[in-house]
Amino acid sequence: MSSAPVSAPLVETPAVGGPDRPPLAKKVLVSDHPTWCPGCGDFAVLSAVQRICRDEQIPTEKLAMISGIGCSSRIPYFVNSYGGHFIHGRSLPFSAAISLGRDDLHVFNFGGDGDGFSIGGNHLFHAARKNTKMTYVIMDNSVYGLTKKQTSPTSPIGFKSKTDPWGAMEQPVNPMKTLLTAGATFVARSHATQVNHMTEMMLRAAQHDGFSVVEILSECVEFNEGAFDGANPRKGGTWRTIELKKNDGSPEDAARHDPTDELAALKLALEPAPGYFGVFYEVKRPTKNQLERDLITKAREKTKGASALQLLEGTFAKMR
């Protein structure tokens, strides 16, 4: 057994843009042709992901694209990287294990409102509070689209579906409120029709050192058409963005949002639909990755650098 650091890359590769490697182009990131319904908002999300990886020049072997189950969870098929299509609702602990075992990778997790707030809700809560370094993109269409229109955790009261033909009666989940109270250290929100804004939010999330989440309203044109028109200016909606504090001493800065203020973020989260879009919350807190690295370092100092095999042999010797 090796005693090498858990974050050590398996294979050293030439730097992107270096003499032995050309700059990363978007075409290199494209794996397969997307198979969503024409007009689905997930196309824009995929394009934004590929654009971020290209602009940041993240090598394909340094990317891990993980997902659960649902239309949104097909994204790993369409990006040329490490990837995994995991069990419904359980992709976050799988992603956390990858992040902790390979600290050199950029781990992205993709899911929908059902995967994140229903069967995967418990895993979302613990992934957020542990603050494992990864980026979780939740494509919220307020319906179970892959299984042809059932009520989802974010479906509004009165929504008629195959499971609620009379109209949904239960109070829907408030994604922003849920993410904030769970303990995520970066929480943002965007809309698939606002591509530049969405890309900016996802980029900020990817650059955050900790558990970052972006909820993206992504319309299901087949089973929930027009659900998010209220925030789409091209369809008569109102697009309200969060203006962040600049700390420039100006009088108008007092009215801007402080993303480190959790109470202020919760107040924004409680605004009626379609609500606000932008960065709700962003703070620095030790990641589980860093805490485990520190623990391993201290353990190695205590054992005077003994290998894993030596430690195991010593444990067995004490049991004789």
Protein backbone atom coordinates (compact mmCIF):
# COMPACT_ATOMS: atom_id res chain seq x y z
CA MET A 1 0.00 0.00 0.00
CA SER A 2 1.26 3.47 -0.90
CA SER A 3 1.58 6.34 1.56
CA ALA A 4 1.37 8.97 -1.19
CA PRO A 5 -0.92 11.97 -0.55
CA VAL A 6 -4.53 11.29 -1.48
CA SER A 7 -4.55 14.39 -3.67
CA ALA A 8 -1.71 13.21 -5.90
CA PRO A 9 -2.82 13.00 -9.56
CA LEU A 10 -2.67 9.56 -11.14
CA VAL A 11 -1.00 10.79 -14.33
CA GLU A 12 1.01 13.92 -14.97
CA THR A 13 -0.07 15.62 -18.21
CA PRO A 14 1.31 18.61 -20.16
CA ALA A 15 -0.14 21.94 -19.10
CA VAL A 16 -2.96 23.33 -21.21
CA GLY A 17 -1.59 25.92 -23.59
CA GLY A 18 1.97 24.70 -22.99
CA PRO A 19 4.46 23.83 -25.74
CA ASP A 20 3.26 20.21 -25.84
CA ARG A 21 -0.42 20.99 -25.75
CA PRO A 22 -2.68 23.42 -27.65
CA PRO A 23 -5.20 25.66 -25.85
CA LEU A 24 -8.38 23.86 -24.83
CA ALA A 25 -11.14 24.41 -27.40
CA LYS A 26 -14.86 23.87 -26.89
CA LYS A 27 -14.93 21.12 -29.52
CA VAL A 28 -12.56 19.07 -27.34
CA LEU A 29 -15.11 19.19 -24.52
CA VAL A 30 -17.99 17.96 -26.67
CA SER A 31 -18.59 14.24 -26.24
CA ASP A 32 -21.97 13.27 -27.68
CA HIS A 33 -24.96 14.99 -29.25
CA PRO A 34 -27.48 16.15 -26.58
CA THR A 35 -30.78 14.29 -26.62
CA TRP A 36 -33.13 16.67 -24.81
CA CYS A 37 -36.43 17.84 -26.27
CA PRO A 38 -36.09 20.84 -28.64
CA GLY A 39 -36.37 24.03 -26.59
CA CYS A 40 -35.30 22.48 -23.27
CA GLY A 41 -33.42 24.88 -21.00
CA ASP A 42 -30.79 22.24 -20.28
CA PHE A 43 -29.13 22.92 -23.65
CA ALA A 44 -28.14 26.37 -22.40
CA VAL A 45 -26.81 24.93 -19.14
CA LEU A 46 -24.62 22.45 -21.01
CA SER A 47 -23.28 25.21 -23.26
CA ALA A 48 -22.45 27.33 -20.20
CA VAL A 49 -20.58 24.44 -18.57
CA GLN A 50 -18.48 23.87 -21.69
CA ARG A 51 -17.82 27.59 -22.02
CA ILE A 52 -16.60 27.84 -18.42
CA CYS A 53 -14.25 24.88 -18.82
CA ARG A 54 -12.87 26.38 -22.04
CA ASP A 55 -12.46 29.90 -20.66
CA GLU A 56 -10.83 28.62 -17.48
CA GLN A 57 -8.71 26.17 -19.52
CA ILE A 58 -9.52 23.22 -17.26
CA PRO A 59 -8.02 20.07 -18.84
CA THR A 60 -10.54 17.34 -19.57
CA GLU A 61 -8.65 14.92 -17.31
CA LYS A 62 -9.07 17.39 -14.44
CA LEU A 63 -12.87 17.40 -14.77
CA ALA A 64 -15.36 15.09 -13.08
CA MET A 65 -18.98 15.42 -14.19
CA ILE A 66 -21.35 13.47 -11.92
CA SER A 67 -25.14 13.28 -11.96
CA GLY A 68 -28.14 11.48 -10.56
CA ILE A 69 -31.30 10.57 -12.47
CA GLY A 70 -33.49 12.80 -14.63
CA CYS A 71 -33.32 14.79 -17.84
CA SER A 72 -30.75 17.17 -16.35
CA SER A 73 -28.59 14.27 -15.25
CA ARG A 74 -27.65 13.40 -18.82
CA ILE A 75 -25.02 16.13 -18.91
CA PRO A 76 -22.04 13.82 -18.14
CA TYR A 77 -22.77 12.01 -21.42
CA PHE A 78 -22.23 15.22 -23.37
CA VAL A 79 -18.93 16.42 -21.85
CA ASN A 80 -15.58 14.82 -22.65
CA SER A 81 -14.32 14.26 -19.10
CA TYR A 82 -14.39 11.80 -16.25
CA GLY A 83 -18.03 11.22 -15.45
CA GLY A 84 -20.60 9.14 -13.69
CA HIS A 85 -24.38 8.66 -13.92
CA PHE A 86 -25.19 7.58 -10.39
CA ILE A 87 -28.21 6.36 -8.41
CA HIS A 88 -31.25 8.62 -8.07
CA GLY A 89 -30.63 11.13 -5.28
CA ARG A 90 -27.28 9.65 -4.25
CA SER A 91 -24.88 11.46 -6.55
CA LEU A 92 -23.70 13.96 -3.90
CA PRO A 93 -21.99 11.45 -1.58
CA PHE A 94 -20.45 9.84 -4.67
CA SER A 95 -19.16 13.26 -5.78
CA ALA A 96 -17.90 14.00 -2.27
CA ALA A 97 -15.85 10.80 -2.29
CA ILE A 98 -14.29 11.79 -5.62
CA SER A 99 -13.52 15.29 -4.36
CA LEU A 100 -11.92 14.01 -1.15
CA GLY A 101 -9.94 11.32 -2.94
CA ARG A 102 -8.80 13.47 -5.86
CA ASP A 103 -8.37 17.01 -4.62
CA ASP A 104 -6.87 18.03 -7.97
CA LEU A 105 -10.15 17.51 -9.86
CA HIS A 106 -12.89 20.04 -10.50
CA VAL A 107 -16.00 18.14 -9.44
CA PHE A 108 -19.33 19.21 -10.93
CA ASN A 109 -22.60 17.59 -9.91
CA PHE A 110 -25.78 17.95 -11.97
CA GLY A 111 -29.35 17.19 -10.95
CA GLY A 112 -32.91 18.36 -11.06
CA ASP A 113 -35.45 19.47 -8.47
CA GLY A 114 -36.54 15.88 -7.87
CA ASP A 115 -33.02 14.52 -7.56
CA GLY A 116 -31.97 17.35 -5.25
CA PHE A 117 -34.98 18.16 -3.11
CA SER A 118 -36.90 14.88 -2.99
CA ILE A 119 -35.09 11.55 -2.86
CA GLY A 120 -31.72 13.28 -2.54
CA GLY A 121 -32.76 15.90 0.00
CA ASN A 122 -31.03 14.24 2.93
CA HIS A 123 -27.76 13.91 1.02
CA LEU A 124 -28.01 17.55 -0.05
CA PHE A 125 -28.31 18.63 3.58
CA HIS A 126 -25.21 16.71 4.69
CA ALA A 127 -23.12 17.61 1.63
CA ALA A 128 -23.83 21.29 2.32
CA ARG A 129 -23.04 21.22 6.04
CA LYS A 130 -19.80 19.28 5.49
CA ASN A 131 -18.69 21.85 2.91
CA THR A 132 -16.96 19.38 0.62
CA LYS A 133 -15.42 21.20 -2.35
CA MET A 134 -17.68 20.72 -5.40
CA THR A 135 -20.17 22.61 -7.55
CA TYR A 136 -23.78 21.45 -7.60
CA VAL A 137 -25.96 22.67 -10.48
CA ILE A 138 -29.68 22.12 -9.90
CA MET A 139 -31.80 22.45 -13.03
CA ASP A 140 -35.23 23.18 -11.62
CA ASN A 141 -38.17 22.68 -14.00
CA SER A 142 -40.79 22.14 -11.25
CA VAL A 143 -41.95 18.85 -12.76
CA TYR A 144 -40.81 15.25 -13.17
CA GLY A 145 -40.24 15.49 -16.92
CA LEU A 146 -38.32 12.31 -17.68
CA THR A 147 -41.22 10.18 -16.39
CA LYS A 148 -43.77 12.30 -18.28
CA LYS A 149 -45.26 14.83 -15.87
CA GLN A 150 -45.62 14.13 -12.17
CA THR A 151 -45.62 16.67 -9.36
CA SER A 152 -42.12 17.53 -8.11
CA PRO A 153 -41.02 19.09 -4.78
CA THR A 154 -40.96 22.56 -6.37
CA SER A 155 -44.26 22.31 -8.29
CA PRO A 156 -46.55 25.20 -7.24
CA ILE A 157 -49.85 24.67 -5.44
CA GLY A 158 -52.54 23.91 -8.02
CA PHE A 159 -50.16 22.29 -10.52
CA LYS A 160 -52.03 19.52 -12.34
CA SER A 161 -50.08 16.38 -13.17
CA LYS A 162 -50.52 12.63 -13.47
CA THR A 163 -49.98 12.28 -9.72
CA ASP A 164 -52.16 15.31 -8.87
CA PRO A 165 -54.86 15.52 -11.57
CA TRP A 166 -56.89 17.72 -9.20
CA GLY A 167 -53.91 20.05 -8.61
CA ALA A 168 -51.00 19.89 -6.15
CA MET A 169 -51.98 20.69 -2.57
CA GLU A 170 -48.65 20.48 -0.72
CA GLN A 171 -46.47 23.49 0.04
CA PRO A 172 -43.56 23.48 -2.47
CA VAL A 173 -39.93 23.47 -1.38
CA ASN A 174 -38.19 26.85 -1.37
CA PRO A 175 -34.79 25.96 -2.94
CA MET A 176 -32.90 29.05 -1.77
CA LYS A 177 -34.20 28.81 1.78
CA THR A 178 -33.37 25.09 1.87
CA LEU A 179 -29.81 25.59 0.61
CA LEU A 180 -29.10 28.44 3.01
CA THR A 181 -30.36 26.61 6.08
CA ALA A 182 -28.50 23.43 5.04
CA GLY A 183 -25.19 25.27 5.30
CA ALA A 184 -23.97 25.71 1.72
CA THR A 185 -21.20 28.31 1.58
CA PHE A 186 -22.12 29.59 -1.89
CA VAL A 187 -25.74 29.89 -3.03
CA ALA A 188 -26.82 31.51 -6.30
CA ARG A 189 -29.78 31.45 -8.65
CA SER A 190 -30.23 32.02 -12.37
CA HIS A 191 -32.47 31.35 -15.38
CA ALA A 192 -31.61 29.29 -18.46
CA THR A 193 -32.85 32.04 -20.80
CA GLN A 194 -30.40 34.55 -19.29
CA VAL A 195 -27.27 32.84 -20.61
CA ASN A 196 -24.63 35.42 -19.67
CA HIS A 197 -25.96 35.74 -16.13
CA MET A 198 -26.21 31.96 -15.76
CA THR A 199 -22.65 31.49 -16.98
CA GLU A 200 -21.39 34.13 -14.55
CA MET A 201 -23.15 32.44 -11.61
CA MET A 202 -21.79 29.02 -12.53
CA LEU A 203 -18.28 30.41 -12.97
CA ARG A 204 -18.37 32.05 -9.54
CA ALA A 205 -19.62 28.79 -8.08
CA ALA A 206 -16.83 26.81 -9.75
CA GLN A 207 -14.22 29.23 -8.38
CA HIS A 208 -15.59 28.99 -4.82
CA ASP A 209 -13.55 26.95 -2.35
CA GLY A 210 -16.31 24.88 -0.76
CA PHE A 211 -19.78 23.47 -1.44
CA SER A 212 -21.31 25.78 -4.03
CA VAL A 213 -24.83 25.51 -5.47
CA VAL A 214 -26.56 27.24 -8.36
CA GLU A 215 -30.27 26.73 -8.89
CA ILE A 216 -31.19 27.35 -12.52
CA LEU A 217 -34.79 27.68 -13.65
CA SER A 218 -34.80 25.47 -16.74
CA GLU A 219 -38.12 25.21 -18.55
CA CYS A 220 -39.57 21.83 -19.51
CA VAL A 221 -41.26 22.74 -22.80
CA GLU A 222 -43.14 19.43 -22.97
CA PHE A 223 -44.73 19.18 -19.52
CA ASN A 224 -44.44 22.59 -17.85
CA GLU A 225 -44.32 25.12 -20.65
CA GLY A 226 -44.17 28.76 -19.62
CA ALA A 227 -43.53 27.95 -15.95
CA PHE A 228 -40.83 30.61 -15.60
CA ASP A 229 -42.08 33.26 -18.00
CA GLY A 230 -42.57 35.56 -15.01
CA ALA A 231 -38.81 36.13 -14.94
CA ASN A 232 -38.30 36.23 -18.71
CA PRO A 233 -38.39 39.80 -20.11
CA ARG A 234 -38.87 38.47 -23.66
CA LYS A 235 -42.18 37.00 -22.52
CA GLY A 236 -43.33 39.97 -20.48
CA GLY A 237 -41.69 38.92 -17.23
CA THR A 238 -39.61 40.89 -14.76
CA TRP A 239 -35.93 40.06 -14.40
CA ARG A 240 -34.80 41.14 -10.93
CA THR A 241 -31.11 40.73 -10.16
CA ILE A 242 -29.30 41.06 -6.85
CA GLU A 243 -26.92 44.01 -6.73
CA LEU A 244 -24.00 43.15 -4.46
CA LYS A 245 -22.26 45.56 -2.13
CA LYS A 246 -19.20 47.23 -3.58
CA ASN A 247 -17.99 48.67 -0.26
CA ASP A 248 -17.15 51.88 -2.10
CA GLY A 249 -18.49 54.21 0.58
CA SER A 250 -21.25 55.57 -1.65
CA PRO A 251 -24.73 56.31 -0.20
CA GLU A 252 -26.40 53.87 -2.60
CA ASP A 253 -24.16 51.05 -1.40
CA ALA A 254 -26.19 50.82 1.80
CA ALA A 255 -29.10 49.41 -0.20
CA ARG A 256 -26.98 46.75 -1.92
CA HIS A 257 -26.92 43.13 -0.77
CA ASP A 258 -24.15 41.83 1.48
CA PRO A 259 -23.61 38.18 0.41
CA THR A 260 -22.03 37.36 3.77
CA ASP A 261 -25.24 38.32 5.61
CA GLU A 262 -27.22 35.09 6.05
CA LEU A 263 -30.32 36.86 7.37
CA ALA A 264 -30.38 39.21 4.37
CA ALA A 265 -30.00 36.20 2.07
CA LEU A 266 -32.95 34.48 3.76
CA LYS A 267 -35.07 37.58 3.30
CA LEU A 268 -34.30 37.51 -0.42
CA ALA A 269 -35.15 33.81 -0.50
CA LEU A 270 -38.60 34.53 0.93
CA GLU A 271 -39.55 36.91 -1.87
CA PRO A 272 -42.57 35.62 -3.86
CA ALA A 273 -42.01 33.96 -7.23
CA PRO A 274 -40.28 34.56 -9.53
CA GLY A 275 -38.06 36.24 -6.94
CA TYR A 276 -34.50 37.48 -7.35
CA PHE A 277 -31.52 36.14 -9.29
CA GLY A 278 -27.83 36.35 -8.46
CA VAL A 279 -25.56 35.52 -5.53
CA PHE A 280 -27.58 35.14 -2.35
CA TYR A 281 -24.80 33.96 -0.06
CA GLU A 282 -21.03 33.52 -0.16
CA VAL A 283 -18.76 32.91 2.83
CA LYS A 284 -15.46 31.20 3.54
CA ARG A 285 -15.46 28.22 5.87
CA PRO A 286 -12.92 25.39 6.16
CA THR A 287 -13.73 22.69 3.62
CA LYS A 288 -13.92 19.02 4.52
CA ASN A 289 -11.09 18.55 2.03
CA GLN A 290 -8.80 20.85 4.00
CA LEU A 291 -9.85 19.44 7.38
CA GLU A 292 -9.08 15.89 6.23
CA ARG A 293 -5.74 16.97 4.75
CA ASP A 294 -4.83 18.52 8.10
CA LEU A 295 -5.91 15.36 9.92
CA ILE A 296 -3.78 13.16 7.64
CA THR A 297 -0.77 15.46 8.08
CA LYS A 298 -1.05 15.34 11.87
CA ALA A 299 -1.47 11.57 11.82
CA ARG A 300 1.67 11.16 9.68
CA GLU A 301 3.64 13.40 12.03
CA LYS A 302 2.45 11.35 15.00
CA THR A 303 3.42 8.06 13.37
CA LYS A 304 6.74 9.47 12.13
CA GLY A 305 5.87 8.97 8.49
CA ALA A 306 5.12 5.24 8.72
CA SER A 307 3.60 3.75 5.58
CA ALA A 308 0.02 2.52 5.47
CA LEU A 309 1.32 -1.07 5.43
CA GLN A 310 3.46 -0.47 8.51
CA LEU A 311 0.52 1.02 10.38
CA LEU A 312 -1.65 -1.94 9.44
CA GLU A 313 1.02 -4.43 10.55
CA GLY A 314 1.38 -2.56 13.85
CA THR A 315 -2.36 -2.73 14.45
CA PHE A 316 -2.41 -6.47 13.81
CA ALA A 317 0.58 -6.96 16.13
CA LYS A 318 -1.35 -5.36 19.00
CA MET A 319 -4.19 -7.83 18.46
CA ARG A 320 -2.02 -10.91 19.06
